[in-house]
Amino acid sequence: KLTCWSASQATHNLRKQLALMLSLPLE
């Protein structure tokens, strides 16, 4: 499972993008 610390203004969208890029389940 991935945890990412970021200053993103859209962490919920970033979560979806990282899951898509890495082919990981969103959860």
PDB file of all heavy atoms in Angstrom:
ATOM      1  N   LYS A   1       0.835  -1.195   0.000  1.00  0.00           N
ATOM      2  CA  LYS A   1       0.000   0.000   0.000  1.00  0.00           C
ATOM      3  C   LYS A   1       0.871   1.247   0.000  1.00  0.00           C
ATOM      4  O   LYS A   1       1.916   1.282   0.636  1.00  0.00           O
ATOM      5  CB  LYS A   1      -0.943  -0.007   1.204  1.00  0.00           C
ATOM      6  CG  LYS A   1      -1.932  -1.171   1.179  1.00  0.00           C
ATOM      7  CD  LYS A   1      -2.911  -1.094   2.341  1.00  0.00           C
ATOM      8  CE  LYS A   1      -3.919  -2.238   2.267  1.00  0.00           C
ATOM      9  NZ  LYS A   1      -4.920  -2.159   3.359  1.00  0.00           N
ATOM     10  N   LEU A   2       0.403   2.268  -0.706  1.00  0.00           N
ATOM     11  CA  LEU A   2       1.166   3.495  -0.889  1.00  0.00           C
ATOM     12  C   LEU A   2       0.621   4.611  -0.010  1.00  0.00           C
ATOM     13  O   LEU A   2      -0.583   4.863   0.014  1.00  0.00           O
ATOM     14  CB  LEU A   2       1.097   3.929  -2.360  1.00  0.00           C
ATOM     15  CG  LEU A   2       1.637   5.332  -2.702  1.00  0.00           C
ATOM     16  CD1 LEU A   2       3.141   5.427  -2.425  1.00  0.00           C
ATOM     17  CD2 LEU A   2       1.332   5.692  -4.153  1.00  0.00           C
ATOM     18  N   THR A   3       1.524   5.277   0.704  1.00  0.00           N
ATOM     19  CA  THR A   3       1.211   6.526   1.388  1.00  0.00           C
ATOM     20  C   THR A   3       2.090   7.609   0.789  1.00  0.00           C
ATOM     21  O   THR A   3       3.300   7.430   0.650  1.00  0.00           O
ATOM     22  CB  THR A   3       1.471   6.432   2.902  1.00  0.00           C
ATOM     23  OG1 THR A   3       0.650   5.402   3.456  1.00  0.00           O
ATOM     24  CG2 THR A   3       1.144   7.756   3.589  1.00  0.00           C
ATOM     25  N   CYS A   4       1.464   8.720   0.445  1.00  0.00           N
ATOM     26  CA  CYS A   4       2.200   9.827  -0.174  1.00  0.00           C
ATOM     27  C   CYS A   4       1.898  11.114   0.566  1.00  0.00           C
ATOM     28  O   CYS A   4       0.736  11.483   0.736  1.00  0.00           O
ATOM     29  CB  CYS A   4       1.808   9.962  -1.649  1.00  0.00           C
ATOM     30  SG  CYS A   4       2.644  11.323  -2.504  1.00  0.00           S
ATOM     31  N   TRP A   5       2.953  11.781   1.018  1.00  0.00           N
ATOM     32  CA  TRP A   5       2.837  13.100   1.633  1.00  0.00           C
ATOM     33  C   TRP A   5       3.102  14.148   0.553  1.00  0.00           C
ATOM     34  O   TRP A   5       4.130  14.108  -0.121  1.00  0.00           O
ATOM     35  CB  TRP A   5       3.845  13.269   2.755  1.00  0.00           C
ATOM     36  CG  TRP A   5       3.560  12.434   3.978  1.00  0.00           C
ATOM     37  CD1 TRP A   5       2.902  12.830   5.095  1.00  0.00           C
ATOM     38  CD2 TRP A   5       3.942  11.058   4.213  1.00  0.00           C
ATOM     39  NE1 TRP A   5       2.853  11.794   6.016  1.00  0.00           N
ATOM     40  CE2 TRP A   5       3.483  10.698   5.499  1.00  0.00           C
ATOM     41  CE3 TRP A   5       4.621  10.098   3.456  1.00  0.00           C
ATOM     42  CZ2 TRP A   5       3.685   9.431   6.046  1.00  0.00           C
ATOM     43  CZ3 TRP A   5       4.821   8.832   3.987  1.00  0.00           C
ATOM     44  CH2 TRP A   5       4.354   8.513   5.273  1.00  0.00           C
ATOM     45  N   SER A   6       2.181  15.092   0.411  1.00  0.00           N
ATOM     46  CA  SER A   6       2.276  16.036  -0.700  1.00  0.00           C
ATOM     47  C   SER A   6       1.622  17.358  -0.325  1.00  0.00           C
ATOM     48  O   SER A   6       0.706  17.400   0.512  1.00  0.00           O
ATOM     49  CB  SER A   6       1.586  15.454  -1.942  1.00  0.00           C
ATOM     50  OG  SER A   6       1.451  16.425  -2.971  1.00  0.00           O
ATOM     51  N   ALA A   7       2.058  18.437  -0.962  1.00  0.00           N
ATOM     52  CA  ALA A   7       1.415  19.748  -0.823  1.00  0.00           C
ATOM     53  C   ALA A   7       0.368  19.966  -1.905  1.00  0.00           C
ATOM     54  O   ALA A   7      -0.030  21.105  -2.165  1.00  0.00           O
ATOM     55  CB  ALA A   7       2.469  20.852  -0.877  1.00  0.00           C
ATOM     56  N   SER A   8      -0.093  18.891  -2.513  1.00  0.00           N
ATOM     57  CA  SER A   8      -1.085  18.987  -3.590  1.00  0.00           C
ATOM     58  C   SER A   8      -2.337  19.721  -3.130  1.00  0.00           C
ATOM     59  O   SER A   8      -2.821  19.530  -2.015  1.00  0.00           O
ATOM     60  CB  SER A   8      -1.468  17.580  -4.063  1.00  0.00           C
ATOM     61  OG  SER A   8      -2.611  17.613  -4.882  1.00  0.00           O
ATOM     62  N   GLN A   9      -2.893  20.527  -4.020  1.00  0.00           N
ATOM     63  CA  GLN A   9      -4.167  21.192  -3.754  1.00  0.00           C
ATOM     64  C   GLN A   9      -5.344  20.259  -4.018  1.00  0.00           C
ATOM     65  O   GLN A   9      -6.498  20.654  -3.836  1.00  0.00           O
ATOM     66  CB  GLN A   9      -4.315  22.439  -4.631  1.00  0.00           C
ATOM     67  CG  GLN A   9      -4.386  22.160  -6.103  1.00  0.00           C
ATOM     68  CD  GLN A   9      -4.807  23.353  -6.939  1.00  0.00           C
ATOM     69  OE1 GLN A   9      -5.194  23.195  -8.073  1.00  0.00           O
ATOM     70  NE2 GLN A   9      -4.712  24.560  -6.412  1.00  0.00           N
ATOM     71  N   ALA A  10      -5.041  19.021  -4.428  1.00  0.00           N
ATOM     72  CA  ALA A  10      -6.106  18.080  -4.799  1.00  0.00           C
ATOM     73  C   ALA A  10      -5.673  16.668  -4.425  1.00  0.00           C
ATOM     74  O   ALA A  10      -5.492  15.808  -5.286  1.00  0.00           O
ATOM     75  CB  ALA A  10      -6.403  18.180  -6.296  1.00  0.00           C
ATOM     76  N   THR A  11      -5.515  16.415  -3.130  1.00  0.00           N
ATOM     77  CA  THR A  11      -4.994  15.109  -2.708  1.00  0.00           C
ATOM     78  C   THR A  11      -5.926  13.964  -3.100  1.00  0.00           C
ATOM     79  O   THR A  11      -5.461  12.863  -3.398  1.00  0.00           O
ATOM     80  CB  THR A  11      -4.757  15.084  -1.193  1.00  0.00           C
ATOM     81  OG1 THR A  11      -5.923  15.588  -0.513  1.00  0.00           O
ATOM     82  CG2 THR A  11      -3.560  15.927  -0.804  1.00  0.00           C
ATOM     83  N   HIS A  12      -7.228  14.204  -3.100  1.00  0.00           N
ATOM     84  CA  HIS A  12      -8.153  13.126  -3.484  1.00  0.00           C
ATOM     85  C   HIS A  12      -7.998  12.792  -4.965  1.00  0.00           C
ATOM     86  O   HIS A  12      -8.066  11.617  -5.350  1.00  0.00           O
ATOM     87  CB  HIS A  12      -9.590  13.534  -3.154  1.00  0.00           C
ATOM     88  CG  HIS A  12      -9.886  13.515  -1.688  1.00  0.00           C
ATOM     89  ND1 HIS A  12     -10.306  12.389  -1.023  1.00  0.00           N
ATOM     90  CD2 HIS A  12      -9.791  14.490  -0.742  1.00  0.00           C
ATOM     91  CE1 HIS A  12     -10.483  12.666   0.258  1.00  0.00           C
ATOM     92  NE2 HIS A  12     -10.178  13.938   0.454  1.00  0.00           N
ATOM     93  N   ASN A  13      -7.797  13.801  -5.808  1.00  0.00           N
ATOM     94  CA  ASN A  13      -7.532  13.533  -7.218  1.00  0.00           C
ATOM     95  C   ASN A  13      -6.165  12.898  -7.409  1.00  0.00           C
ATOM     96  O   ASN A  13      -5.990  11.997  -8.240  1.00  0.00           O
ATOM     97  CB  ASN A  13      -7.613  14.822  -8.027  1.00  0.00           C
ATOM     98  CG  ASN A  13      -9.042  15.251  -8.289  1.00  0.00           C
ATOM     99  OD1 ASN A  13      -9.986  14.631  -7.811  1.00  0.00           O
ATOM    100  ND2 ASN A  13      -9.207  16.328  -9.038  1.00  0.00           N
ATOM    101  N   LEU A  14      -5.170  13.370  -6.663  1.00  0.00           N
ATOM    102  CA  LEU A  14      -3.835  12.782  -6.748  1.00  0.00           C
ATOM    103  C   LEU A  14      -3.875  11.304  -6.393  1.00  0.00           C
ATOM    104  O   LEU A  14      -3.217  10.477  -7.040  1.00  0.00           O
ATOM    105  CB  LEU A  14      -2.877  13.526  -5.815  1.00  0.00           C
ATOM    106  CG  LEU A  14      -1.465  12.963  -5.692  1.00  0.00           C
ATOM    107  CD1 LEU A  14      -0.752  12.948  -7.041  1.00  0.00           C
ATOM    108  CD2 LEU A  14      -0.653  13.750  -4.667  1.00  0.00           C
ATOM    109  N   ARG A  15      -4.637  10.973  -5.378  1.00  0.00           N
ATOM    110  CA  ARG A  15      -4.791   9.562  -4.994  1.00  0.00           C
ATOM    111  C   ARG A  15      -5.273   8.722  -6.173  1.00  0.00           C
ATOM    112  O   ARG A  15      -4.738   7.641  -6.446  1.00  0.00           O
ATOM    113  CB  ARG A  15      -5.789   9.481  -3.831  1.00  0.00           C
ATOM    114  CG  ARG A  15      -6.077   8.084  -3.336  1.00  0.00           C
ATOM    115  CD  ARG A  15      -7.303   8.103  -2.428  1.00  0.00           C
ATOM    116  NE  ARG A  15      -7.530   6.824  -1.803  1.00  0.00           N
ATOM    117  CZ  ARG A  15      -8.719   6.402  -1.354  1.00  0.00           C
ATOM    118  NH1 ARG A  15      -9.780   7.196  -1.484  1.00  0.00           N
ATOM    119  NH2 ARG A  15      -8.845   5.222  -0.797  1.00  0.00           N
ATOM    120  N   LYS A  16      -6.275   9.236  -6.884  1.00  0.00           N
ATOM    121  CA  LYS A  16      -6.811   8.509  -8.034  1.00  0.00           C
ATOM    122  C   LYS A  16      -5.766   8.391  -9.142  1.00  0.00           C
ATOM    123  O   LYS A  16      -5.652   7.342  -9.794  1.00  0.00           O
ATOM    124  CB  LYS A  16      -8.053   9.212  -8.558  1.00  0.00           C
ATOM    125  CG  LYS A  16      -9.203   9.264  -7.554  1.00  0.00           C
ATOM    126  CD  LYS A  16     -10.302  10.229  -7.997  1.00  0.00           C
ATOM    127  CE  LYS A  16     -11.330  10.445  -6.896  1.00  0.00           C
ATOM    128  NZ  LYS A  16     -12.307  11.503  -7.232  1.00  0.00           N
ATOM    129  N   GLN A  17      -5.007   9.461  -9.358  1.00  0.00           N
ATOM    130  CA  GLN A  17      -3.999   9.428 -10.415  1.00  0.00           C
ATOM    131  C   GLN A  17      -2.864   8.459 -10.092  1.00  0.00           C
ATOM    132  O   GLN A  17      -2.375   7.750 -10.977  1.00  0.00           O
ATOM    133  CB  GLN A  17      -3.443  10.831 -10.643  1.00  0.00           C
ATOM    134  CG  GLN A  17      -4.409  11.768 -11.353  1.00  0.00           C
ATOM    135  CD  GLN A  17      -3.734  13.048 -11.783  1.00  0.00           C
ATOM    136  OE1 GLN A  17      -3.511  13.944 -10.971  1.00  0.00           O
ATOM    137  NE2 GLN A  17      -3.395  13.150 -13.056  1.00  0.00           N
ATOM    138  N   LEU A  18      -2.421   8.449  -8.834  1.00  0.00           N
ATOM    139  CA  LEU A  18      -1.355   7.522  -8.446  1.00  0.00           C
ATOM    140  C   LEU A  18      -1.839   6.082  -8.541  1.00  0.00           C
ATOM    141  O   LEU A  18      -1.095   5.191  -8.979  1.00  0.00           O
ATOM    142  CB  LEU A  18      -0.878   7.833  -7.033  1.00  0.00           C
ATOM    143  CG  LEU A  18      -0.155   9.172  -6.843  1.00  0.00           C
ATOM    144  CD1 LEU A  18       0.197   9.386  -5.374  1.00  0.00           C
ATOM    145  CD2 LEU A  18       1.115   9.240  -7.704  1.00  0.00           C
ATOM    146  N   ALA A  19      -3.081   5.832  -8.128  1.00  0.00           N
ATOM    147  CA  ALA A  19      -3.633   4.480  -8.238  1.00  0.00           C
ATOM    148  C   ALA A  19      -3.697   4.042  -9.696  1.00  0.00           C
ATOM    149  O   ALA A  19      -3.356   2.894 -10.035  1.00  0.00           O
ATOM    150  CB  ALA A  19      -5.012   4.433  -7.600  1.00  0.00           C
ATOM    151  N   LEU A  20      -4.112   4.956 -10.574  1.00  0.00           N
ATOM    152  CA  LEU A  20      -4.179   4.637 -12.002  1.00  0.00           C
ATOM    153  C   LEU A  20      -2.787   4.372 -12.556  1.00  0.00           C
ATOM    154  O   LEU A  20      -2.559   3.369 -13.260  1.00  0.00           O
ATOM    155  CB  LEU A  20      -4.839   5.797 -12.746  1.00  0.00           C
ATOM    156  CG  LEU A  20      -4.894   5.699 -14.273  1.00  0.00           C
ATOM    157  CD1 LEU A  20      -5.761   4.529 -14.709  1.00  0.00           C
ATOM    158  CD2 LEU A  20      -5.428   7.012 -14.870  1.00  0.00           C
ATOM    159  N   MET A  21      -1.840   5.247 -12.263  1.00  0.00           N
ATOM    160  CA  MET A  21      -0.486   5.110 -12.801  1.00  0.00           C
ATOM    161  C   MET A  21       0.165   3.805 -12.361  1.00  0.00           C
ATOM    162  O   MET A  21       0.837   3.128 -13.154  1.00  0.00           O
ATOM    163  CB  MET A  21       0.371   6.289 -12.353  1.00  0.00           C
ATOM    164  CG  MET A  21       1.808   6.241 -12.868  1.00  0.00           C
ATOM    165  SD  MET A  21       2.826   7.635 -12.305  1.00  0.00           S
ATOM    166  CE  MET A  21       3.152   7.134 -10.611  1.00  0.00           C
ATOM    167  N   LEU A  22      -0.033   3.420 -11.107  1.00  0.00           N
ATOM    168  CA  LEU A  22       0.641   2.249 -10.547  1.00  0.00           C
ATOM    169  C   LEU A  22      -0.218   0.995 -10.577  1.00  0.00           C
ATOM    170  O   LEU A  22       0.189  -0.045 -10.060  1.00  0.00           O
ATOM    171  CB  LEU A  22       1.062   2.549  -9.111  1.00  0.00           C
ATOM    172  CG  LEU A  22       2.043   3.715  -8.953  1.00  0.00           C
ATOM    173  CD1 LEU A  22       2.220   4.072  -7.484  1.00  0.00           C
ATOM    174  CD2 LEU A  22       3.382   3.390  -9.594  1.00  0.00           C
ATOM    175  N   SER A  23      -1.409   1.098 -11.163  1.00  0.00           N
ATOM    176  CA  SER A  23      -2.347  -0.035 -11.253  1.00  0.00           C
ATOM    177  C   SER A  23      -2.635  -0.623  -9.875  1.00  0.00           C
ATOM    178  O   SER A  23      -2.609  -1.844  -9.664  1.00  0.00           O
ATOM    179  CB  SER A  23      -1.795  -1.115 -12.198  1.00  0.00           C
ATOM    180  OG  SER A  23      -1.631  -0.597 -13.494  1.00  0.00           O
ATOM    181  N   LEU A  24      -2.914   0.256  -8.926  1.00  0.00           N
ATOM    182  CA  LEU A  24      -3.236  -0.143  -7.561  1.00  0.00           C
ATOM    183  C   LEU A  24      -4.725   0.072  -7.296  1.00  0.00           C
ATOM    184  O   LEU A  24      -5.329   0.994  -7.840  1.00  0.00           O
ATOM    185  CB  LEU A  24      -2.444   0.683  -6.551  1.00  0.00           C
ATOM    186  CG  LEU A  24      -0.928   0.479  -6.483  1.00  0.00           C
ATOM    187  CD1 LEU A  24      -0.306   1.543  -5.575  1.00  0.00           C
ATOM    188  CD2 LEU A  24      -0.604  -0.919  -5.983  1.00  0.00           C
ATOM    189  N   PRO A  25      -5.327  -0.751  -6.434  1.00  0.00           N
ATOM    190  CA  PRO A  25      -6.699  -0.444  -6.007  1.00  0.00           C
ATOM    191  C   PRO A  25      -6.720   0.905  -5.292  1.00  0.00           C
ATOM    192  O   PRO A  25      -5.785   1.233  -4.552  1.00  0.00           O
ATOM    193  CB  PRO A  25      -7.035  -1.593  -5.043  1.00  0.00           C
ATOM    194  CG  PRO A  25      -6.054  -2.677  -5.352  1.00  0.00           C
ATOM    195  CD  PRO A  25      -4.806  -1.993  -5.826  1.00  0.00           C
ATOM    196  N   LEU A  26      -7.766   1.669  -5.478  1.00  0.00           N
ATOM    197  CA  LEU A  26      -7.841   2.998  -4.883  1.00  0.00           C
ATOM    198  C   LEU A  26      -7.696   2.936  -3.365  1.00  0.00           C
ATOM    199  O   LEU A  26      -7.062   3.803  -2.756  1.00  0.00           O
ATOM    200  CB  LEU A  26      -9.161   3.665  -5.261  1.00  0.00           C
ATOM    201  CG  LEU A  26      -9.323   5.133  -4.867  1.00  0.00           C
ATOM    202  CD1 LEU A  26      -8.269   6.001  -5.544  1.00  0.00           C
ATOM    203  CD2 LEU A  26     -10.721   5.634  -5.220  1.00  0.00           C
ATOM    204  N   GLU A  27      -8.252   1.894  -2.757  1.00  0.00           N
ATOM    205  CA  GLU A  27      -8.194   1.787  -1.298  1.00  0.00           C
ATOM    206  C   GLU A  27      -6.783   1.514  -0.780  1.00  0.00           C
ATOM    207  O   GLU A  27      -6.526   1.623   0.428  1.00  0.00           O
ATOM    208  CB  GLU A  27      -9.145   0.694  -0.800  1.00  0.00           C
ATOM    209  CG  GLU A  27      -8.885  -0.690  -1.359  1.00  0.00           C
ATOM    210  CD  GLU A  27      -9.676  -0.976  -2.635  1.00  0.00           C
ATOM    211  OE1 GLU A  27     -10.089  -0.003  -3.314  1.00  0.00           O
ATOM    212  OE2 GLU A  27      -9.877  -2.169  -2.930  1.00  0.00           O
TER     213      GLU A  27
END
